[in-house]
Amino acid sequence: MKHLDWSKLRLDCGFKPPSKDVEFDFAISFAGENRELAREIAVQLGLLDAHVFFDEHFEANFLGNAWSSQFERVFGRDSRLVVPVLDKAYRDKIWPTFERECFQPRVGSGEVIPIFLDDTKFVGIPQDTIGIKFARTGDPAEEKGRITDEVVFKLIERLG
């Protein structure tokens, strides 16, 4: 009994590996042009009891602190999964670029689930990274239902 690899045995029996202790299930990174989409994703994830970092929900908590240090913590280590909403605006803006630099080391370990709004390429996110493709239609009511089916349910399922 003392020679058994208990960690391997637990995994072989179907138990999940112990999760790291984090503050958030999801951290959403986005450009300002996609704030409404990111907000809807955050709200819907919250309705399913996920703890989500969405910047405007935590502004009061971070008063007096630098956003840069908070983003390094949240996107770098204090979230189970990072969900960047990627498009040309995201690639071209300063803050989303900073956030991407914070979570980039996590891409290879599968802890970053990109939502692709267009075909923009990103340094540090390999083109074969499997993400969620979400085509914007411009109709908020139609998109709201699609966000649930095409994005939120997949993210919750991925979270396990």
N, C-alpha and C. Protein backbone atom coordinates (compact mmCIF):
# COMPACT_ATOMS: atom_id res chain seq x y z
N MET A 1 0.82 -1.20 0.00
CA MET A 1 0.00 0.00 0.00
C MET A 1 0.86 1.26 0.00
N LYS A 2 1.99 1.20 0.71
CA LYS A 2 2.79 2.42 0.80
C LYS A 2 3.51 2.73 -0.51
N HIS A 3 3.54 1.79 -1.46
CA HIS A 3 4.22 2.01 -2.73
C HIS A 3 3.26 2.48 -3.83
N LEU A 4 2.00 2.63 -3.49
CA LEU A 4 1.03 3.10 -4.48
C LEU A 4 1.22 4.59 -4.75
N ASP A 5 1.02 4.97 -6.00
CA ASP A 5 1.03 6.38 -6.38
C ASP A 5 -0.41 6.88 -6.23
N TRP A 6 -0.73 7.44 -5.08
CA TRP A 6 -2.10 7.83 -4.76
C TRP A 6 -2.62 8.91 -5.70
N SER A 7 -1.78 9.83 -6.13
CA SER A 7 -2.22 10.88 -7.06
C SER A 7 -2.66 10.26 -8.38
N LYS A 8 -1.85 9.34 -8.90
CA LYS A 8 -2.19 8.67 -10.15
C LYS A 8 -3.45 7.83 -9.98
N LEU A 9 -3.57 7.13 -8.88
CA LEU A 9 -4.73 6.30 -8.63
C LEU A 9 -6.01 7.14 -8.61
N ARG A 10 -5.96 8.29 -7.94
CA ARG A 10 -7.13 9.18 -7.90
C ARG A 10 -7.54 9.59 -9.31
N LEU A 11 -6.56 9.96 -10.15
CA LEU A 11 -6.86 10.36 -11.53
C LEU A 11 -7.39 9.17 -12.33
N ASP A 12 -6.80 7.98 -12.15
CA ASP A 12 -7.25 6.78 -12.86
C ASP A 12 -8.69 6.42 -12.49
N CYS A 13 -9.09 6.74 -11.29
CA CYS A 13 -10.46 6.45 -10.84
C CYS A 13 -11.46 7.51 -11.26
N GLY A 14 -10.98 8.54 -11.94
CA GLY A 14 -11.88 9.56 -12.46
C GLY A 14 -12.03 10.79 -11.60
N PHE A 15 -11.28 10.89 -10.52
CA PHE A 15 -11.34 12.09 -9.70
C PHE A 15 -10.55 13.20 -10.37
N LYS A 16 -11.04 14.41 -10.24
CA LYS A 16 -10.34 15.55 -10.82
C LYS A 16 -9.10 15.87 -9.99
N PRO A 17 -8.06 16.37 -10.66
CA PRO A 17 -6.89 16.79 -9.89
C PRO A 17 -7.28 17.96 -8.99
N PRO A 18 -6.59 18.14 -7.88
CA PRO A 18 -6.95 19.25 -7.00
C PRO A 18 -6.79 20.57 -7.75
N SER A 19 -7.79 21.44 -7.61
CA SER A 19 -7.72 22.72 -8.32
C SER A 19 -6.90 23.70 -7.49
N LYS A 20 -6.25 24.58 -8.22
CA LYS A 20 -5.47 25.59 -7.51
C LYS A 20 -6.42 26.58 -6.86
N ASP A 21 -6.02 27.12 -5.76
CA ASP A 21 -6.84 28.06 -5.02
C ASP A 21 -6.78 29.41 -5.71
N VAL A 22 -7.87 29.81 -6.32
CA VAL A 22 -7.93 31.07 -7.05
C VAL A 22 -9.15 31.87 -6.61
N GLU A 23 -9.13 33.14 -6.91
CA GLU A 23 -10.24 34.01 -6.53
C GLU A 23 -11.39 33.95 -7.54
N PHE A 24 -11.07 33.75 -8.82
CA PHE A 24 -12.08 33.82 -9.88
C PHE A 24 -12.11 32.53 -10.70
N ASP A 25 -13.29 32.15 -11.14
CA ASP A 25 -13.41 31.06 -12.10
C ASP A 25 -12.99 31.55 -13.49
N PHE A 26 -13.44 32.75 -13.84
CA PHE A 26 -13.15 33.33 -15.15
C PHE A 26 -12.68 34.77 -14.98
N ALA A 27 -11.73 35.17 -15.83
CA ALA A 27 -11.35 36.58 -15.94
C ALA A 27 -11.54 36.96 -17.39
N ILE A 28 -12.36 37.97 -17.65
CA ILE A 28 -12.68 38.37 -19.01
C ILE A 28 -11.83 39.57 -19.40
N SER A 29 -11.14 39.43 -20.53
CA SER A 29 -10.29 40.48 -21.07
C SER A 29 -10.89 40.92 -22.41
N PHE A 30 -10.97 42.23 -22.62
CA PHE A 30 -11.66 42.73 -23.82
C PHE A 30 -11.22 44.16 -24.12
N ALA A 31 -11.47 44.60 -25.34
CA ALA A 31 -11.29 46.00 -25.72
C ALA A 31 -12.61 46.72 -25.45
N GLY A 32 -12.53 48.02 -25.25
CA GLY A 32 -13.72 48.81 -24.93
C GLY A 32 -14.85 48.67 -25.93
N GLU A 33 -14.50 48.46 -27.18
CA GLU A 33 -15.52 48.30 -28.23
C GLU A 33 -16.40 47.07 -27.99
N ASN A 34 -15.91 46.13 -27.20
CA ASN A 34 -16.65 44.90 -26.95
C ASN A 34 -17.13 44.78 -25.50
N ARG A 35 -17.21 45.92 -24.82
CA ARG A 35 -17.62 45.92 -23.42
C ARG A 35 -19.02 45.32 -23.23
N GLU A 36 -19.96 45.65 -24.08
CA GLU A 36 -21.33 45.13 -23.92
C GLU A 36 -21.36 43.61 -24.06
N LEU A 37 -20.63 43.08 -25.02
CA LEU A 37 -20.55 41.63 -25.19
C LEU A 37 -19.90 40.99 -23.96
N ALA A 38 -18.79 41.56 -23.52
CA ALA A 38 -18.09 41.03 -22.33
C ALA A 38 -18.98 41.11 -21.10
N ARG A 39 -19.72 42.21 -20.95
CA ARG A 39 -20.63 42.36 -19.81
C ARG A 39 -21.70 41.27 -19.84
N GLU A 40 -22.28 41.01 -21.01
CA GLU A 40 -23.32 39.99 -21.12
C GLU A 40 -22.77 38.60 -20.77
N ILE A 41 -21.57 38.31 -21.22
CA ILE A 41 -20.94 37.02 -20.88
C ILE A 41 -20.74 36.94 -19.36
N ALA A 42 -20.23 38.01 -18.76
CA ALA A 42 -19.99 38.03 -17.32
C ALA A 42 -21.29 37.86 -16.54
N VAL A 43 -22.33 38.54 -16.96
CA VAL A 43 -23.62 38.45 -16.27
C VAL A 43 -24.17 37.02 -16.36
N GLN A 44 -24.14 36.44 -17.56
CA GLN A 44 -24.68 35.10 -17.74
C GLN A 44 -23.86 34.05 -16.97
N LEU A 45 -22.55 34.19 -16.97
CA LEU A 45 -21.73 33.27 -16.18
C LEU A 45 -22.06 33.40 -14.70
N GLY A 46 -22.25 34.64 -14.24
CA GLY A 46 -22.61 34.88 -12.84
C GLY A 46 -23.95 34.25 -12.47
N LEU A 47 -24.90 34.26 -13.40
CA LEU A 47 -26.20 33.63 -13.14
C LEU A 47 -26.06 32.12 -12.95
N LEU A 48 -24.98 31.56 -13.48
CA LEU A 48 -24.71 30.13 -13.32
C LEU A 48 -23.74 29.87 -12.17
N ASP A 49 -23.62 30.85 -11.27
CA ASP A 49 -22.82 30.77 -10.05
C ASP A 49 -21.31 30.74 -10.27
N ALA A 50 -20.85 31.19 -11.42
CA ALA A 50 -19.41 31.31 -11.64
C ALA A 50 -18.96 32.64 -11.05
N HIS A 51 -17.77 32.66 -10.48
CA HIS A 51 -17.20 33.90 -9.96
C HIS A 51 -16.35 34.50 -11.07
N VAL A 52 -16.77 35.66 -11.57
CA VAL A 52 -16.19 36.25 -12.78
C VAL A 52 -15.53 37.58 -12.47
N PHE A 53 -14.31 37.75 -12.99
CA PHE A 53 -13.68 39.06 -12.94
C PHE A 53 -14.08 39.80 -14.20
N PHE A 54 -14.83 40.88 -14.02
CA PHE A 54 -15.20 41.83 -15.07
C PHE A 54 -14.91 43.18 -14.46
N ASP A 55 -14.02 43.94 -15.05
CA ASP A 55 -13.42 45.11 -14.40
C ASP A 55 -14.40 46.04 -13.70
N GLU A 56 -15.51 46.37 -14.33
CA GLU A 56 -16.41 47.35 -13.71
C GLU A 56 -17.10 46.82 -12.46
N HIS A 57 -17.14 45.50 -12.29
CA HIS A 57 -17.73 44.92 -11.07
C HIS A 57 -16.81 45.05 -9.86
N PHE A 58 -15.53 45.39 -10.10
CA PHE A 58 -14.55 45.43 -9.01
C PHE A 58 -13.86 46.78 -8.86
N GLU A 59 -14.35 47.80 -9.53
CA GLU A 59 -13.70 49.11 -9.45
C GLU A 59 -13.60 49.62 -8.02
N ALA A 60 -14.67 49.51 -7.26
CA ALA A 60 -14.65 50.00 -5.88
C ALA A 60 -13.65 49.23 -5.02
N ASN A 61 -13.52 47.93 -5.27
CA ASN A 61 -12.57 47.11 -4.50
C ASN A 61 -11.13 47.55 -4.70
N PHE A 62 -10.83 48.09 -5.88
CA PHE A 62 -9.45 48.40 -6.25
C PHE A 62 -9.12 49.89 -6.13
N LEU A 63 -10.02 50.68 -5.58
CA LEU A 63 -9.75 52.11 -5.43
C LEU A 63 -8.43 52.31 -4.69
N GLY A 64 -7.60 53.18 -5.21
CA GLY A 64 -6.32 53.47 -4.60
C GLY A 64 -5.20 52.55 -5.05
N ASN A 65 -5.53 51.51 -5.81
CA ASN A 65 -4.53 50.57 -6.33
C ASN A 65 -4.31 50.84 -7.82
N ALA A 66 -3.22 50.34 -8.34
CA ALA A 66 -2.95 50.46 -9.77
C ALA A 66 -3.61 49.30 -10.51
N TRP A 67 -4.31 49.63 -11.61
CA TRP A 67 -4.93 48.58 -12.41
C TRP A 67 -3.88 47.59 -12.87
N SER A 68 -2.69 48.08 -13.21
CA SER A 68 -1.66 47.18 -13.74
C SER A 68 -1.33 46.06 -12.77
N SER A 69 -1.18 46.36 -11.49
CA SER A 69 -0.85 45.30 -10.53
C SER A 69 -2.04 44.36 -10.33
N GLN A 70 -3.26 44.88 -10.37
CA GLN A 70 -4.44 44.04 -10.23
C GLN A 70 -4.59 43.11 -11.43
N PHE A 71 -4.35 43.64 -12.64
CA PHE A 71 -4.45 42.82 -13.85
C PHE A 71 -3.37 41.74 -13.88
N GLU A 72 -2.18 42.06 -13.42
CA GLU A 72 -1.12 41.04 -13.37
C GLU A 72 -1.54 39.89 -12.47
N ARG A 73 -2.16 40.21 -11.34
CA ARG A 73 -2.61 39.19 -10.40
C ARG A 73 -3.79 38.40 -10.97
N VAL A 74 -4.82 39.10 -11.43
CA VAL A 74 -6.04 38.43 -11.88
C VAL A 74 -5.80 37.59 -13.14
N PHE A 75 -5.20 38.18 -14.16
CA PHE A 75 -5.01 37.47 -15.42
C PHE A 75 -3.82 36.51 -15.37
N GLY A 76 -2.87 36.80 -14.51
CA GLY A 76 -1.67 35.97 -14.44
C GLY A 76 -1.79 34.74 -13.57
N ARG A 77 -2.60 34.83 -12.47
CA ARG A 77 -2.60 33.68 -11.56
C ARG A 77 -3.89 33.49 -10.75
N ASP A 78 -4.73 34.48 -10.59
CA ASP A 78 -5.87 34.36 -9.68
C ASP A 78 -7.21 34.05 -10.37
N SER A 79 -7.14 33.41 -11.54
CA SER A 79 -8.36 32.96 -12.21
C SER A 79 -8.10 31.57 -12.78
N ARG A 80 -9.12 30.74 -12.74
CA ARG A 80 -8.97 29.39 -13.31
C ARG A 80 -8.79 29.48 -14.82
N LEU A 81 -9.64 30.27 -15.47
CA LEU A 81 -9.59 30.42 -16.92
C LEU A 81 -9.64 31.90 -17.29
N VAL A 82 -8.89 32.26 -18.30
CA VAL A 82 -8.93 33.62 -18.84
C VAL A 82 -9.69 33.56 -20.16
N VAL A 83 -10.61 34.49 -20.35
CA VAL A 83 -11.44 34.52 -21.55
C VAL A 83 -11.22 35.86 -22.25
N PRO A 84 -10.28 35.91 -23.20
CA PRO A 84 -10.10 37.14 -23.96
C PRO A 84 -11.07 37.20 -25.14
N VAL A 85 -11.68 38.35 -25.34
CA VAL A 85 -12.58 38.58 -26.47
C VAL A 85 -11.73 39.26 -27.55
N LEU A 86 -11.34 38.48 -28.56
CA LEU A 86 -10.30 38.91 -29.50
C LEU A 86 -10.85 39.42 -30.82
N ASP A 87 -10.35 40.59 -31.21
CA ASP A 87 -10.61 41.16 -32.53
C ASP A 87 -9.54 42.21 -32.81
N LYS A 88 -9.68 42.92 -33.91
CA LYS A 88 -8.68 43.91 -34.29
C LYS A 88 -8.53 45.00 -33.22
N ALA A 89 -9.63 45.44 -32.64
CA ALA A 89 -9.56 46.48 -31.59
C ALA A 89 -8.75 45.98 -30.41
N TYR A 90 -8.91 44.72 -30.04
CA TYR A 90 -8.17 44.14 -28.92
C TYR A 90 -6.67 44.15 -29.23
N ARG A 91 -6.31 43.79 -30.44
CA ARG A 91 -4.90 43.74 -30.83
C ARG A 91 -4.25 45.12 -30.81
N ASP A 92 -5.01 46.15 -31.16
CA ASP A 92 -4.44 47.48 -31.38
C ASP A 92 -4.44 48.39 -30.15
N LYS A 93 -5.05 47.98 -29.06
CA LYS A 93 -5.16 48.85 -27.89
C LYS A 93 -4.14 48.51 -26.81
N ILE A 94 -3.79 49.50 -26.00
CA ILE A 94 -2.73 49.36 -25.00
C ILE A 94 -3.14 48.44 -23.85
N TRP A 95 -4.29 48.69 -23.20
CA TRP A 95 -4.66 47.88 -22.03
C TRP A 95 -4.90 46.42 -22.37
N PRO A 96 -5.65 46.14 -23.45
CA PRO A 96 -5.79 44.72 -23.79
C PRO A 96 -4.44 44.05 -24.09
N THR A 97 -3.52 44.79 -24.68
CA THR A 97 -2.19 44.23 -24.95
C THR A 97 -1.48 43.93 -23.64
N PHE A 98 -1.61 44.81 -22.65
CA PHE A 98 -1.02 44.56 -21.33
C PHE A 98 -1.65 43.32 -20.69
N GLU A 99 -2.97 43.22 -20.75
CA GLU A 99 -3.66 42.06 -20.18
C GLU A 99 -3.19 40.78 -20.87
N ARG A 100 -3.05 40.83 -22.20
CA ARG A 100 -2.59 39.66 -22.95
C ARG A 100 -1.18 39.25 -22.50
N GLU A 101 -0.32 40.22 -22.25
CA GLU A 101 1.03 39.91 -21.77
C GLU A 101 0.97 39.23 -20.39
N CYS A 102 -0.03 39.60 -19.58
CA CYS A 102 -0.18 38.98 -18.26
C CYS A 102 -0.60 37.52 -18.35
N PHE A 103 -1.52 37.20 -19.27
CA PHE A 103 -2.00 35.82 -19.34
C PHE A 103 -1.28 34.96 -20.37
N GLN A 104 -0.45 35.54 -21.19
CA GLN A 104 0.22 34.81 -22.27
C GLN A 104 0.94 33.54 -21.80
N PRO A 105 1.64 33.54 -20.65
CA PRO A 105 2.29 32.30 -20.21
C PRO A 105 1.32 31.15 -19.95
N ARG A 106 0.05 31.45 -19.79
CA ARG A 106 -0.95 30.43 -19.48
C ARG A 106 -1.58 29.81 -20.73
N VAL A 107 -1.31 30.39 -21.90
CA VAL A 107 -1.93 29.90 -23.13
C VAL A 107 -1.59 28.44 -23.38
N GLY A 108 -0.33 28.07 -23.25
CA GLY A 108 0.11 26.71 -23.52
C GLY A 108 -0.46 25.66 -22.60
N SER A 109 -0.92 26.06 -21.42
CA SER A 109 -1.47 25.09 -20.47
C SER A 109 -2.98 24.94 -20.60
N GLY A 110 -3.58 25.59 -21.60
CA GLY A 110 -5.01 25.45 -21.83
C GLY A 110 -5.88 26.24 -20.88
N GLU A 111 -5.30 27.22 -20.19
CA GLU A 111 -6.06 28.03 -19.23
C GLU A 111 -6.61 29.31 -19.85
N VAL A 112 -6.41 29.48 -21.16
CA VAL A 112 -6.93 30.65 -21.87
C VAL A 112 -7.87 30.14 -22.96
N ILE A 113 -9.13 30.58 -22.89
CA ILE A 113 -10.15 30.19 -23.85
C ILE A 113 -10.54 31.42 -24.65
N PRO A 114 -9.93 31.62 -25.82
CA PRO A 114 -10.23 32.83 -26.60
C PRO A 114 -11.60 32.77 -27.26
N ILE A 115 -12.21 33.93 -27.33
CA ILE A 115 -13.43 34.11 -28.12
C ILE A 115 -13.00 34.95 -29.32
N PHE A 116 -13.06 34.35 -30.51
CA PHE A 116 -12.62 35.01 -31.73
C PHE A 116 -13.80 35.71 -32.40
N LEU A 117 -13.71 37.04 -32.51
CA LEU A 117 -14.76 37.80 -33.19
C LEU A 117 -14.43 38.01 -34.66
N ASP A 118 -13.16 37.89 -35.01
CA ASP A 118 -12.72 38.00 -36.39
C ASP A 118 -11.46 37.15 -36.58
N ASP A 119 -10.77 37.32 -37.68
CA ASP A 119 -9.60 36.49 -37.98
C ASP A 119 -8.27 37.15 -37.64
N THR A 120 -8.28 38.16 -36.77
CA THR A 120 -7.06 38.86 -36.39
C THR A 120 -6.09 37.88 -35.74
N LYS A 121 -4.81 38.00 -36.09
CA LYS A 121 -3.76 37.15 -35.52
C LYS A 121 -3.15 37.86 -34.31
N PHE A 122 -2.72 37.06 -33.31
CA PHE A 122 -2.16 37.61 -32.08
C PHE A 122 -0.84 36.96 -31.74
N VAL A 123 0.14 37.79 -31.39
CA VAL A 123 1.41 37.27 -30.91
C VAL A 123 1.16 36.57 -29.58
N GLY A 124 1.68 35.37 -29.43
CA GLY A 124 1.54 34.64 -28.17
C GLY A 124 0.31 33.76 -28.08
N ILE A 125 -0.58 33.85 -29.07
CA ILE A 125 -1.74 32.96 -29.12
C ILE A 125 -1.64 32.20 -30.44
N PRO A 126 -1.16 30.95 -30.39
CA PRO A 126 -0.98 30.19 -31.63
C PRO A 126 -2.27 30.10 -32.43
N GLN A 127 -2.13 30.09 -33.75
CA GLN A 127 -3.31 30.07 -34.62
C GLN A 127 -4.13 28.79 -34.47
N ASP A 128 -3.50 27.73 -33.97
CA ASP A 128 -4.25 26.49 -33.81
C ASP A 128 -4.87 26.35 -32.42
N THR A 129 -4.84 27.43 -31.63
CA THR A 129 -5.49 27.41 -30.32
C THR A 129 -7.00 27.28 -30.52
N ILE A 130 -7.58 26.30 -29.88
CA ILE A 130 -9.02 26.08 -30.02
C ILE A 130 -9.74 27.06 -29.11
N GLY A 131 -10.59 27.85 -29.72
CA GLY A 131 -11.38 28.83 -28.97
C GLY A 131 -12.82 28.77 -29.43
N ILE A 132 -13.53 29.84 -29.18
CA ILE A 132 -14.93 29.95 -29.56
C ILE A 132 -15.05 31.05 -30.61
N LYS A 133 -15.59 30.69 -31.76
CA LYS A 133 -15.83 31.69 -32.80
C LYS A 133 -17.24 32.25 -32.58
N PHE A 134 -17.31 33.57 -32.50
CA PHE A 134 -18.61 34.21 -32.28
C PHE A 134 -18.76 35.34 -33.29
N ALA A 135 -19.69 35.18 -34.22
CA ALA A 135 -19.91 36.19 -35.26
C ALA A 135 -20.91 37.23 -34.76
N ARG A 136 -20.48 38.49 -34.74
CA ARG A 136 -21.37 39.58 -34.33
C ARG A 136 -22.37 39.86 -35.44
N THR A 137 -23.62 40.13 -35.06
CA THR A 137 -24.67 40.43 -36.04
C THR A 137 -25.13 41.87 -35.95
N GLY A 138 -24.86 42.53 -34.84
CA GLY A 138 -25.35 43.89 -34.66
C GLY A 138 -26.73 43.95 -34.03
N ASP A 139 -27.37 42.82 -33.83
CA ASP A 139 -28.69 42.75 -33.22
C ASP A 139 -28.52 42.23 -31.79
N PRO A 140 -28.51 43.15 -30.79
CA PRO A 140 -28.26 42.73 -29.40
C PRO A 140 -29.21 41.65 -28.89
N ALA A 141 -30.49 41.72 -29.25
CA ALA A 141 -31.46 40.74 -28.76
C ALA A 141 -31.13 39.35 -29.31
N GLU A 142 -30.79 39.27 -30.59
CA GLU A 142 -30.46 37.99 -31.20
C GLU A 142 -29.15 37.45 -30.64
N GLU A 143 -28.18 38.34 -30.45
CA GLU A 143 -26.87 37.93 -29.93
C GLU A 143 -26.97 37.41 -28.50
N LYS A 144 -27.86 37.99 -27.71
CA LYS A 144 -27.97 37.59 -26.30
C LYS A 144 -28.25 36.10 -26.16
N GLY A 145 -29.18 35.58 -26.93
CA GLY A 145 -29.48 34.15 -26.90
C GLY A 145 -28.33 33.32 -27.42
N ARG A 146 -27.67 33.80 -28.45
CA ARG A 146 -26.53 33.07 -29.01
C ARG A 146 -25.37 33.05 -28.02
N ILE A 147 -25.19 34.12 -27.25
CA ILE A 147 -24.11 34.17 -26.26
C ILE A 147 -24.28 33.02 -25.27
N THR A 148 -25.51 32.79 -24.85
CA THR A 148 -25.79 31.71 -23.90
C THR A 148 -25.38 30.37 -24.48
N ASP A 149 -25.86 30.07 -25.69
CA ASP A 149 -25.62 28.76 -26.30
C ASP A 149 -24.20 28.59 -26.82
N GLU A 150 -23.66 29.61 -27.47
CA GLU A 150 -22.39 29.47 -28.17
C GLU A 150 -21.17 29.79 -27.30
N VAL A 151 -21.38 30.52 -26.20
CA VAL A 151 -20.24 30.93 -25.38
C VAL A 151 -20.38 30.43 -23.94
N VAL A 152 -21.39 30.87 -23.24
CA VAL A 152 -21.50 30.65 -21.80
C VAL A 152 -21.58 29.18 -21.43
N PHE A 153 -22.44 28.42 -22.09
CA PHE A 153 -22.55 27.00 -21.76
C PHE A 153 -21.24 26.27 -22.02
N LYS A 154 -20.53 26.64 -23.09
CA LYS A 154 -19.24 26.00 -23.38
C LYS A 154 -18.21 26.33 -22.31
N LEU A 155 -18.21 27.57 -21.85
CA LEU A 155 -17.25 27.95 -20.81
C LEU A 155 -17.54 27.23 -19.49
N ILE A 156 -18.80 27.14 -19.13
CA ILE A 156 -19.17 26.43 -17.91
C ILE A 156 -18.79 24.95 -18.01
N GLU A 157 -19.05 24.35 -19.16
CA GLU A 157 -18.69 22.95 -19.36
C GLU A 157 -17.16 22.77 -19.27
N ARG A 158 -16.42 23.70 -19.85
CA ARG A 158 -14.95 23.62 -19.80
C ARG A 158 -14.43 23.76 -18.38
N LEU A 159 -15.08 24.60 -17.59
CA LEU A 159 -14.70 24.78 -16.20
C LEU A 159 -14.83 23.46 -15.43
N GLY A 160 -15.81 22.67 -15.83
CA GLY A 160 -16.00 21.36 -15.19
C GLY A 160 -16.82 21.50 -13.98
